Structures are given as structure tokens and as C-alpha cells.
Amino acid sequence: MLRIDLRRVRSAIAIGAALGGLAIAPAVAQTGQLTINTDRSGAGQKAAMTKIASDFEAKNPGTKVTINFSDVESYKTSIRNFLVTTPPDLAFWFTGARMRAFSKRGAFEDISKFYTDQNLKEVMAPFLPAVTDGGKQFMMPTNFTTWGFFYNKEVFERVGVTPPKTWDELMAAAAKLKAAGVIPFTIGTRDLWANDLWFDYLDLRLNGLDFHMALMDGKESYTDERVKKVFATWQQPIEKGYFLENASSYGWQEAIPLLAQGKAAMYLLGPYVLTSLPADVHGKIGFFPFPAMDAKNDGFEEVSINGVGIPSGAKNKELALKFLAFLAQPDNLAAFAKAGAVLPARTDVALDDQFSQVQMKLVQAAKGSSQFYDRDTDPEMAQIGMKGFQEFLANPQRGEAILERLEAARKRIFK
């Protein structure tokens, strides 16, 4: 089970290499080719990573850094192949269960000593569980993300609704927006993952973190009455027509313009809403957390951590470690995270913009967290589950059959 130590994040913010026999050579200019594969292909983070690579080359004459950018969905498939057939020197990836699916097969190098050598154990301490497997660290965390509702302020004001604090208020706002001719919830499920947030948050709010993580670990049944309650609650806004029609024909990014145009009012997503919109539109977009439903379970949040690791088949592991140390420097990690509207995965970086502070407040107020459905559970289970959630949004009357299918998959995968 993976959980982030939010108390350590709060505390640190408030107050403020080696692979086996390999070691970084800090004082000697090092030549070589460094190849990086990454799915951080948004315009902001692409530019930030390109600059960091350029700065690294300038500090290490003779070094050439090649970055292969890919969109997230294509990367999820290609990484299974390139880690084996054409491994780069560094590969960005998800942490948690997604990382362990590879580290258990020896696809990533153990970089535990890197944290000691670079004095990163303390400043990255809250995020280390996410990159740890069997007591060893296999990736370096780069940034973390919080999730919630992004909404069109002008639409809310025109229709006369305010950011909901409870589920009932959310449903009342949705009813009012729909009556005004506005789509209450925009969403694109062709990419599957964006829909996970509805399942995760309803499960966290209705059943709590312990049950949710037990379900993710394959220890609870998808036909349990508590999971059926999640689907029954989710079914209400679906059957009332509060979601974007034909959501499966939209990619997650393709559903965002509807929010900016005022055709839709809300999108349950991460800060990628902002990075997908022009800067002059950001002022129109507001944010509120997933509403409260049960006092004993409120305060559990989704906090997702991304990272980067060295594939076991990498040709230039020493140079890769040197680049990791360069990327981990506070200014570089902060710039990279800010470019993606996410937060840097070290606790000694000052947050100087309003949106980052909003995200941090959400983390500071949280009493526990999961990462994300497709990061917390087995990858095969995640794929089957996400397809089930996509089907449920389109055909909620098939809820019972979908849960039975997920339960059959759970029994097979976690046996």
C-alpha cells in the first residue's frame, strides 16, 4: 500500500551516486551521449526540460542530451517495449504500482545510494515511499499533483451558483447549470484515465482510505456492497444527464475547451486544465476540492507523484546519475514543476504563485491520500477497471455486470 506522509510535507513546507560500483564524477568534465525518454510533452514542461538539458550540456562540455518527447497515452504503451529493446539512459514514468510493475522485473536500476550521495533523503522524504520497492529506491520523484474541480467563474456567476462544499450542493449546482443550458461536467474518457477520479473520490469519500487502498491491493471485492454504493451514487448524475454526452469520443484535453468557452461549467481533473489553456484564460478558471460526503472520510485526497529512473539496460548510467543530480537542484526541479502547473517533489522549494499555494493548501489540509486508480492498483487490473468505468459512464444500467467483470479480473490477477 502506498501512502504519502503528508505530515512531513506540511512540516517541511511550513519551515521552509552511486549504482552498485558507479559514482558521479563531479569535478571532471564528462563527455557522452545521454538519451531521455519522457511523456512530459506539454508545451511548458517540454520547454523547461529542453532548457535544463541545454544548461546541463553547457556545464558538461562535450555532452549531448537527446530528449524523446511522447504524448502520455502513447508512452504508456511504448515504455513496455523500449525498456527492453532500446532502453534510454533515463525514463520518466509514474511512481507507485506503475513503477513496481517494472522494478519487480529488474527493468529499473536501484538508485538508493544516490539519495545519500546527493543529500536528498530529507528534502524528498515524503515522496520516497512512492519510488521504493523492497526497501530500495528505483526512481527519483520530480513533482506531485493534486486533483479537484476546475470551474468557469463567469458561468457560475451568470447562473448564480457558488463552489459546492458538499455532494448535495454539487448536485444542486449541476441541476441549476443544466437548466440554464450549460453542461455541468465536461469530461473526455477516450483516454480512459480522467474518469478514474470520479470512482476514486467517491470511494474515498464514501468508504474511506483504508477500504480504497485494500481494494486497490486486490484485498477487497468489487462486488462488495460498499463498491456498489459508489456506483449507485455515481449513477445519479449520469442518469440526470449532467455529464458531457458521448464523452468517450473526446480525449481528456479535447474536453477542456468546452470549459473555457462556457459551454461546460466544471471538470474534475488536475492542473493540466490550466496548462492546456492560453494564459489569458486562466483568470476565468477557479478551483474547489471534491465536496464532502461523510465527515469520517472527508479530507482524503488524491496526490499523484511522477518520477524518473535509469533503465537497467541504459548505456550511460554514470552520466544519467549526473543529470539526475542536476535536475534535482531546487531551481531546476521548481522550474520543471512550475512549467507543468504542478509542485516540485522536494520540500525546501519556495512556492511563489497563487495556484501552487492552492494546491499546497489542499495537501496541507488532507488527512491521507491515495495516488490515482491506475497508479495504485495492478496495471492489468487498472486497464480493465478503467474500461469498465468508461462503459459505466455511457451505460450506467450495466453497473452490476461491470462490477462482476471487475471482480472476476481481481480474483485472477491477485490470486
Protein backbone atom coordinates (compact mmCIF):
# COMPACT_ATOMS: atom_id res chain seq x y z
CA MET A 1 0.00 0.00 0.00
CA LEU A 2 1.36 3.39 -0.95
CA ARG A 3 0.64 6.49 1.06
CA ILE A 4 2.32 9.84 1.14
CA ASP A 5 3.45 11.12 4.52
CA LEU A 6 1.50 14.37 4.35
CA ARG A 7 2.61 15.37 7.83
CA ARG A 8 6.19 15.51 6.64
CA VAL A 9 5.17 17.57 3.61
CA ARG A 10 3.31 20.02 5.82
CA SER A 11 6.13 20.27 8.33
CA ALA A 12 8.86 20.81 5.77
CA ILE A 13 6.92 23.38 3.78
CA ALA A 14 6.00 25.21 6.90
CA ILE A 15 9.62 25.75 7.88
CA GLY A 16 10.85 26.43 4.88
CA ALA A 17 25.64 8.41 -6.71
CA ALA A 18 26.04 5.53 -6.99
CA LEU A 19 24.66 2.43 -8.82
CA GLY A 20 26.45 -0.56 -7.40
CA GLY A 21 30.06 0.49 -8.01
CA LEU A 22 29.22 3.55 -10.12
CA ALA A 23 29.70 7.05 -8.76
CA ILE A 24 29.26 10.57 -10.07
CA ALA A 25 32.45 12.40 -11.06
CA PRO A 26 31.60 15.98 -10.06
CA ALA A 27 34.85 17.77 -10.80
CA VAL A 28 35.72 16.38 -14.20
CA ALA A 29 34.09 17.43 -17.44
CA GLN A 30 32.35 14.38 -18.84
CA THR A 31 31.62 13.70 -22.46
CA GLY A 32 28.98 11.38 -23.79
CA GLN A 33 25.53 10.93 -25.18
CA LEU A 34 22.56 11.00 -22.86
CA THR A 35 19.16 9.88 -24.14
CA ILE A 36 16.00 10.72 -22.22
CA ASN A 37 12.52 9.38 -22.93
CA THR A 38 9.66 11.34 -21.40
CA ASP A 39 5.90 11.75 -21.55
CA ARG A 40 6.08 15.30 -20.13
CA SER A 41 5.25 16.71 -23.52
CA GLY A 42 3.08 19.68 -22.58
CA ALA A 43 4.45 22.92 -24.03
CA GLY A 44 5.56 24.28 -20.66
CA GLN A 45 7.41 21.24 -19.35
CA LYS A 46 8.81 20.50 -22.80
CA ALA A 47 10.42 23.93 -22.88
CA ALA A 48 11.59 23.66 -19.27
CA MET A 49 13.21 20.25 -19.79
CA THR A 50 14.84 21.44 -23.00
CA LYS A 51 16.40 24.38 -21.13
CA ILE A 52 17.58 22.17 -18.27
CA ALA A 53 19.19 19.81 -20.78
CA SER A 54 20.84 22.75 -22.53
CA ASP A 55 22.19 24.08 -19.22
CA PHE A 56 23.50 20.60 -18.40
CA GLU A 57 25.32 20.45 -21.73
CA ALA A 58 26.85 23.88 -21.07
CA LYS A 59 28.18 22.75 -17.70
CA ASN A 60 29.47 19.49 -19.16
CA PRO A 61 31.30 20.30 -22.41
CA GLY A 62 31.19 17.53 -24.94
CA THR A 63 27.95 16.11 -23.57
CA LYS A 64 24.95 15.81 -25.88
CA VAL A 65 21.47 15.32 -24.44
CA THR A 66 18.74 13.93 -26.70
CA ILE A 67 15.18 14.10 -25.41
CA ASN A 68 12.45 11.98 -26.97
CA PHE A 69 9.10 13.55 -26.09
CA SER A 70 5.91 11.49 -26.38
CA ASP A 71 2.27 12.02 -25.51
CA VAL A 72 1.14 10.33 -22.31
CA GLU A 73 -1.10 7.68 -23.84
CA SER A 74 1.41 6.53 -26.45
CA TYR A 75 4.12 6.46 -23.79
CA LYS A 76 2.10 4.11 -21.58
CA THR A 77 2.36 1.51 -24.33
CA SER A 78 5.81 2.25 -25.72
CA ILE A 79 7.63 2.10 -22.37
CA ARG A 80 6.88 -1.62 -22.12
CA ASN A 81 8.87 -2.11 -25.29
CA PHE A 82 11.67 0.44 -25.16
CA LEU A 83 12.77 -0.50 -21.63
CA VAL A 84 13.64 -3.92 -23.08
CA THR A 85 14.53 -3.31 -26.71
CA THR A 86 16.03 0.20 -26.86
CA PRO A 87 16.42 1.47 -23.29
CA PRO A 88 17.27 5.17 -22.95
CA ASP A 89 19.59 6.43 -20.23
CA LEU A 90 16.69 7.99 -18.33
CA ALA A 91 12.96 7.29 -18.50
CA PHE A 92 10.24 9.39 -16.91
CA TRP A 93 7.35 7.38 -15.53
CA PHE A 94 4.67 7.10 -12.87
CA THR A 95 5.64 6.04 -9.37
CA GLY A 96 3.77 3.61 -7.12
CA ALA A 97 2.34 0.41 -8.57
CA ARG A 98 3.23 1.50 -12.11
CA MET A 99 6.92 1.75 -11.20
CA ARG A 100 6.87 -1.51 -9.24
CA ALA A 101 5.46 -3.35 -12.24
CA PHE A 102 8.86 -2.68 -13.86
CA SER A 103 11.18 -2.67 -10.84
CA LYS A 104 10.00 -6.16 -9.85
CA ARG A 105 11.19 -7.36 -13.24
CA GLY A 106 14.54 -5.60 -12.90
CA ALA A 107 13.81 -3.00 -15.55
CA PHE A 108 15.00 -0.05 -13.40
CA GLU A 109 18.31 0.33 -11.58
CA ASP A 110 18.49 0.57 -7.82
CA ILE A 111 19.48 4.21 -7.12
CA SER A 112 19.16 4.06 -3.31
CA LYS A 113 22.70 5.33 -2.72
CA PHE A 114 22.04 8.35 -4.95
CA TYR A 115 19.83 9.86 -2.25
CA THR A 116 22.60 9.64 0.34
CA ASP A 117 25.28 10.92 -2.00
CA GLN A 118 23.17 13.92 -3.04
CA ASN A 119 21.72 14.67 0.42
CA LEU A 120 18.19 14.23 -0.87
CA LYS A 121 16.83 11.84 1.74
CA GLU A 122 15.43 14.58 3.94
CA VAL A 123 14.09 17.01 1.34
CA MET A 124 12.45 14.21 -0.67
CA ALA A 125 11.45 12.08 2.32
CA PRO A 126 7.64 12.43 1.92
CA PHE A 127 7.86 11.13 -1.65
CA LEU A 128 10.31 8.26 -1.19
CA PRO A 129 7.65 5.61 -0.40
CA ALA A 130 6.28 6.18 -3.90
CA VAL A 131 9.64 5.24 -5.50
CA THR A 132 10.52 2.42 -3.11
CA ASP A 133 10.19 -1.31 -3.77
CA GLY A 134 11.53 -3.82 -1.29
CA GLY A 135 13.28 -1.11 0.69
CA LYS A 136 15.19 0.20 -2.34
CA GLN A 137 14.60 3.32 -4.42
CA PHE A 138 14.27 2.86 -8.19
CA MET A 139 13.28 6.37 -9.32
CA MET A 140 13.76 10.00 -8.36
CA PRO A 141 10.46 11.84 -7.71
CA THR A 142 10.17 15.01 -9.77
CA ASN A 143 6.77 16.53 -8.98
CA PHE A 144 3.40 15.87 -7.46
CA THR A 145 -0.14 16.75 -8.47
CA THR A 146 -3.38 17.39 -6.65
CA TRP A 147 -6.85 16.97 -8.17
CA GLY A 148 -10.26 18.62 -7.87
CA PHE A 149 -12.91 20.58 -9.73
CA PHE A 150 -11.86 23.34 -12.12
CA TYR A 151 -14.79 25.60 -12.94
CA ASN A 152 -15.70 28.54 -15.16
CA LYS A 153 -16.12 31.51 -12.82
CA GLU A 154 -18.18 33.54 -15.30
CA VAL A 155 -20.63 30.66 -15.83
CA PHE A 156 -21.04 30.13 -12.10
CA GLU A 157 -21.71 33.84 -11.59
CA ARG A 158 -24.15 34.09 -14.51
CA VAL A 159 -26.16 31.06 -13.39
CA GLY A 160 -25.96 32.00 -9.73
CA VAL A 161 -24.08 29.09 -8.18
CA THR A 162 -21.12 29.08 -5.83
CA PRO A 163 -18.38 26.45 -5.39
CA PRO A 164 -20.12 23.49 -3.67
CA LYS A 165 -18.82 22.23 -0.35
CA THR A 166 -20.99 19.11 -0.11
CA TRP A 167 -22.19 16.42 -2.53
CA ASP A 168 -25.75 17.67 -2.24
CA GLU A 169 -24.63 21.20 -3.09
CA LEU A 170 -22.71 19.83 -6.08
CA MET A 171 -25.81 18.03 -7.36
CA ALA A 172 -27.94 21.15 -6.79
CA ALA A 173 -25.44 23.28 -8.72
CA ALA A 174 -25.41 20.74 -11.54
CA ALA A 175 -29.19 20.80 -11.77
CA LYS A 176 -29.20 24.60 -11.95
CA LEU A 177 -26.49 24.67 -14.60
CA LYS A 178 -28.24 22.06 -16.74
CA ALA A 179 -31.48 24.02 -16.53
CA ALA A 180 -29.55 27.06 -17.81
CA GLY A 181 -28.34 25.11 -20.83
CA VAL A 182 -24.81 24.52 -19.54
CA ILE A 183 -23.16 21.08 -19.39
CA PRO A 184 -22.42 20.66 -15.67
CA PHE A 185 -19.46 18.27 -16.05
CA THR A 186 -17.20 18.12 -19.09
CA ILE A 187 -15.02 15.03 -19.39
CA GLY A 188 -13.13 13.11 -22.04
CA THR A 189 -12.94 9.35 -21.44
CA ARG A 190 -11.41 8.17 -24.71
CA ASP A 191 -8.07 8.25 -22.87
CA LEU A 192 -9.75 6.32 -20.00
CA TRP A 193 -7.78 7.75 -17.06
CA ALA A 194 -9.62 11.04 -16.43
CA ASN A 195 -12.74 9.08 -15.49
CA ASP A 196 -10.86 7.32 -12.66
CA LEU A 197 -11.11 10.42 -10.49
CA TRP A 198 -14.87 10.04 -10.12
CA PHE A 199 -14.53 6.45 -8.93
CA ASP A 200 -11.55 7.16 -6.66
CA TYR A 201 -13.02 10.20 -4.97
CA LEU A 202 -16.45 8.64 -4.45
CA ASP A 203 -14.80 5.55 -2.95
CA LEU A 204 -12.57 7.68 -0.71
CA ARG A 205 -15.45 9.88 0.45
CA LEU A 206 -17.97 7.05 0.97
CA ASN A 207 -15.72 4.23 2.18
CA GLY A 208 -12.50 5.82 3.41
CA LEU A 209 -8.82 5.44 2.58
CA ASP A 210 -8.25 2.04 4.19
CA PHE A 211 -11.00 0.36 2.18
CA HIS A 212 -9.96 2.14 -1.02
CA MET A 213 -6.35 1.02 -0.74
CA ALA A 214 -7.39 -2.51 0.19
CA LEU A 215 -9.49 -2.56 -2.98
CA MET A 216 -6.50 -1.28 -4.95
CA ASP A 217 -4.34 -4.04 -3.43
CA GLY A 218 -6.84 -6.69 -4.52
CA LYS A 219 -7.86 -7.46 -0.93
CA GLU A 220 -11.48 -6.29 -1.22
CA SER A 221 -14.17 -7.34 -3.67
CA TYR A 222 -15.59 -5.19 -6.47
CA THR A 223 -18.99 -6.76 -5.75
CA ASP A 224 -18.81 -5.59 -2.11
CA GLU A 225 -21.84 -3.52 -1.13
CA ARG A 226 -19.54 -0.56 -0.49
CA VAL A 227 -18.35 -0.54 -4.10
CA LYS A 228 -21.92 -0.98 -5.29
CA LYS A 229 -22.75 2.16 -3.29
CA VAL A 230 -20.04 4.06 -5.17
CA PHE A 231 -21.59 3.09 -8.50
CA ALA A 232 -25.11 3.86 -7.24
CA THR A 233 -24.01 7.36 -6.17
CA TRP A 234 -22.14 7.97 -9.42
CA GLN A 235 -25.14 6.76 -11.40
CA GLN A 236 -27.31 9.64 -10.18
CA PRO A 237 -25.56 12.49 -12.04
CA ILE A 238 -25.02 10.23 -15.05
CA GLU A 239 -28.70 9.41 -15.42
CA LYS A 240 -29.66 13.05 -14.90
CA GLY A 241 -27.55 13.99 -17.91
CA TYR A 242 -25.02 16.10 -16.03
CA PHE A 243 -22.02 14.76 -17.96
CA LEU A 244 -20.88 15.66 -21.46
CA GLU A 245 -22.67 13.43 -23.97
CA ASN A 246 -20.53 10.97 -25.93
CA ALA A 247 -17.65 11.58 -23.53
CA SER A 248 -15.79 8.57 -24.92
CA SER A 249 -15.40 10.38 -28.24
CA TYR A 250 -13.34 13.11 -26.53
CA GLY A 251 -9.75 12.86 -25.35
CA TRP A 252 -9.17 14.39 -21.92
CA GLN A 253 -7.66 17.53 -23.45
CA GLU A 254 -10.37 17.86 -26.10
CA ALA A 255 -12.97 18.29 -23.35
CA ILE A 256 -11.16 21.26 -21.79
CA PRO A 257 -12.10 23.98 -24.35
CA LEU A 258 -15.78 23.44 -23.51
CA LEU A 259 -14.95 24.67 -20.02
CA ALA A 260 -13.11 27.75 -21.26
CA GLN A 261 -15.87 28.54 -23.77
CA GLY A 262 -18.55 28.43 -21.09
CA LYS A 263 -20.39 25.54 -22.74
CA ALA A 264 -19.49 23.41 -19.73
CA ALA A 265 -19.11 24.51 -16.10
CA MET A 266 -16.81 22.04 -14.31
CA TYR A 267 -14.06 19.48 -14.98
CA LEU A 268 -12.80 17.08 -12.31
CA LEU A 269 -9.13 16.98 -13.23
CA GLY A 270 -5.64 18.18 -12.32
CA PRO A 271 -3.75 21.37 -13.10
CA TYR A 272 -3.36 20.17 -16.67
CA VAL A 273 -6.58 22.09 -17.27
CA LEU A 274 -4.56 25.27 -16.98
CA THR A 275 -1.57 24.10 -18.98
CA SER A 276 -3.92 23.18 -21.82
CA LEU A 277 -5.42 26.69 -21.98
CA PRO A 278 -3.92 30.04 -23.05
CA ALA A 279 -2.56 32.08 -20.16
CA ASP A 280 -5.11 34.87 -20.70
CA VAL A 281 -7.90 32.39 -19.92
CA HIS A 282 -6.50 31.21 -16.58
CA GLY A 283 -8.15 34.05 -14.69
CA LYS A 284 -11.57 32.73 -15.72
CA ILE A 285 -10.92 29.34 -14.15
CA GLY A 286 -11.47 28.62 -10.46
CA PHE A 287 -10.83 25.54 -8.32
CA PHE A 288 -12.57 23.73 -5.46
CA PRO A 289 -11.84 20.34 -3.85
CA PHE A 290 -14.07 17.29 -4.28
CA PRO A 291 -17.01 18.03 -1.95
CA ALA A 292 -17.60 16.48 1.44
CA MET A 293 -19.88 13.45 1.76
CA ASP A 294 -19.17 11.78 5.12
CA ALA A 295 -17.38 13.51 7.99
CA LYS A 296 -15.32 10.46 8.92
CA ASN A 297 -13.96 10.15 5.37
CA ASP A 298 -13.66 13.77 4.29
CA GLY A 299 -10.11 15.04 3.92
CA PHE A 300 -8.75 12.08 1.96
CA GLU A 301 -7.26 13.32 -1.30
CA GLU A 302 -5.61 12.06 -4.45
CA VAL A 303 -1.97 13.17 -4.63
CA SER A 304 -0.04 11.76 -7.59
CA ILE A 305 3.76 11.63 -7.82
CA ASN A 306 5.79 11.43 -11.03
CA GLY A 307 9.43 10.46 -11.29
CA VAL A 308 12.36 9.46 -13.47
CA GLY A 309 14.52 6.34 -13.37
CA ILE A 310 17.53 4.74 -15.01
CA PRO A 311 16.64 1.68 -17.09
CA SER A 312 18.76 -1.36 -16.32
CA GLY A 313 19.81 -1.54 -19.95
CA ALA A 314 20.95 2.11 -20.15
CA LYS A 315 24.31 2.65 -21.82
CA ASN A 316 25.41 5.73 -19.85
CA LYS A 317 24.36 5.17 -16.24
CA GLU A 318 27.08 7.32 -14.73
CA LEU A 319 26.09 10.28 -16.89
CA ALA A 320 22.44 9.61 -16.15
CA LEU A 321 23.13 9.88 -12.41
CA LYS A 322 24.92 13.15 -13.01
CA PHE A 323 21.92 14.50 -14.89
CA LEU A 324 19.57 13.35 -12.12
CA ALA A 325 21.67 15.27 -9.59
CA PHE A 326 21.48 18.36 -11.82
CA LEU A 327 17.72 18.03 -12.29
CA ALA A 328 17.23 17.59 -8.55
CA GLN A 329 18.68 21.02 -7.79
CA PRO A 330 15.92 23.20 -6.28
CA ASP A 331 15.85 25.79 -9.06
CA ASN A 332 15.71 23.17 -11.82
CA LEU A 333 13.10 20.99 -10.16
CA ALA A 334 10.99 24.05 -9.31
CA ALA A 335 11.16 25.38 -12.87
CA PHE A 336 10.25 21.99 -14.32
CA ALA A 337 7.29 21.58 -11.99
CA LYS A 338 6.03 25.13 -12.39
CA ALA A 339 6.04 24.76 -16.17
CA GLY A 340 3.51 21.95 -15.73
CA ALA A 341 1.47 23.76 -13.06
CA VAL A 342 2.44 21.03 -10.58
CA LEU A 343 4.54 21.07 -7.41
CA PRO A 344 8.22 20.09 -7.11
CA ALA A 345 8.91 16.89 -5.20
CA ARG A 346 11.22 18.39 -2.62
CA THR A 347 10.16 20.23 0.49
CA ASP A 348 12.68 23.06 0.53
CA VAL A 349 11.40 24.87 -2.59
CA ALA A 350 9.55 28.16 -2.11
CA LEU A 351 6.15 28.42 -3.84
CA ASP A 352 5.73 31.84 -5.41
CA ASP A 353 2.48 31.62 -7.37
CA GLN A 354 -1.11 31.54 -6.22
CA PHE A 355 -2.12 28.31 -7.89
CA SER A 356 0.77 26.34 -6.39
CA GLN A 357 -0.20 27.68 -3.00
CA VAL A 358 -3.79 26.50 -3.56
CA GLN A 359 -2.53 23.02 -4.34
CA MET A 360 -0.32 23.00 -1.29
CA LYS A 361 -3.19 24.11 0.94
CA LEU A 362 -5.18 21.12 -0.29
CA VAL A 363 -2.31 18.81 0.64
CA GLN A 364 -1.80 20.54 3.95
CA ALA A 365 -5.46 20.05 4.84
CA ALA A 366 -5.53 16.39 3.77
CA LYS A 367 -5.54 13.67 6.39
CA GLY A 368 -4.35 10.97 4.00
CA SER A 369 -4.01 10.26 0.32
CA SER A 370 -4.02 7.74 -2.46
CA GLN A 371 -2.28 8.38 -5.80
CA PHE A 372 -4.65 7.51 -8.64
CA TYR A 373 -6.54 4.39 -9.71
CA ASP A 374 -4.09 3.42 -12.45
CA ARG A 375 -1.10 4.05 -10.17
CA ASP A 376 -2.41 2.36 -7.01
CA THR A 377 -3.60 -0.94 -8.42
CA ASP A 378 -2.05 -3.60 -10.65
CA PRO A 379 -1.58 -2.26 -14.23
CA GLU A 380 -3.68 -5.05 -15.80
CA MET A 381 -6.41 -4.51 -13.22
CA ALA A 382 -6.22 -0.77 -13.86
CA GLN A 383 -6.76 -1.20 -17.58
CA ILE A 384 -9.77 -3.47 -17.06
CA GLY A 385 -11.16 -1.17 -14.39
CA MET A 386 -10.77 1.98 -16.49
CA LYS A 387 -12.57 0.37 -19.41
CA GLY A 388 -15.34 -0.60 -17.00
CA PHE A 389 -15.64 2.97 -15.73
CA GLN A 390 -15.78 4.26 -19.31
CA GLU A 391 -18.59 1.82 -20.08
CA PHE A 392 -20.40 2.77 -16.88
CA LEU A 393 -20.43 6.47 -17.78
CA ALA A 394 -22.01 5.60 -21.13
CA ASN A 395 -24.30 2.80 -19.88
CA PRO A 396 -24.88 3.08 -16.13
CA GLN A 397 -27.59 0.43 -16.24
CA ARG A 398 -24.79 -2.10 -16.81
CA GLY A 399 -23.20 -1.27 -13.46
CA GLU A 400 -23.79 -4.68 -11.85
CA ALA A 401 -22.40 -6.58 -14.83
CA ILE A 402 -19.35 -4.31 -14.93
CA LEU A 403 -18.58 -4.87 -11.25
CA GLU A 404 -18.93 -8.64 -11.68
CA ARG A 405 -16.44 -8.44 -14.55
CA LEU A 406 -14.03 -6.41 -12.45
CA GLU A 407 -14.36 -8.88 -9.58
CA ALA A 408 -13.55 -11.79 -11.89
CA ALA A 409 -10.45 -9.90 -13.05
CA ARG A 410 -9.43 -9.15 -9.45
CA LYS A 411 -9.64 -12.81 -8.46
CA ARG A 412 -7.49 -13.81 -11.44
CA ILE A 413 -4.88 -11.03 -11.17
CA PHE A 414 -4.40 -11.01 -7.39
CA LYS A 415 -4.65 -14.79 -6.78
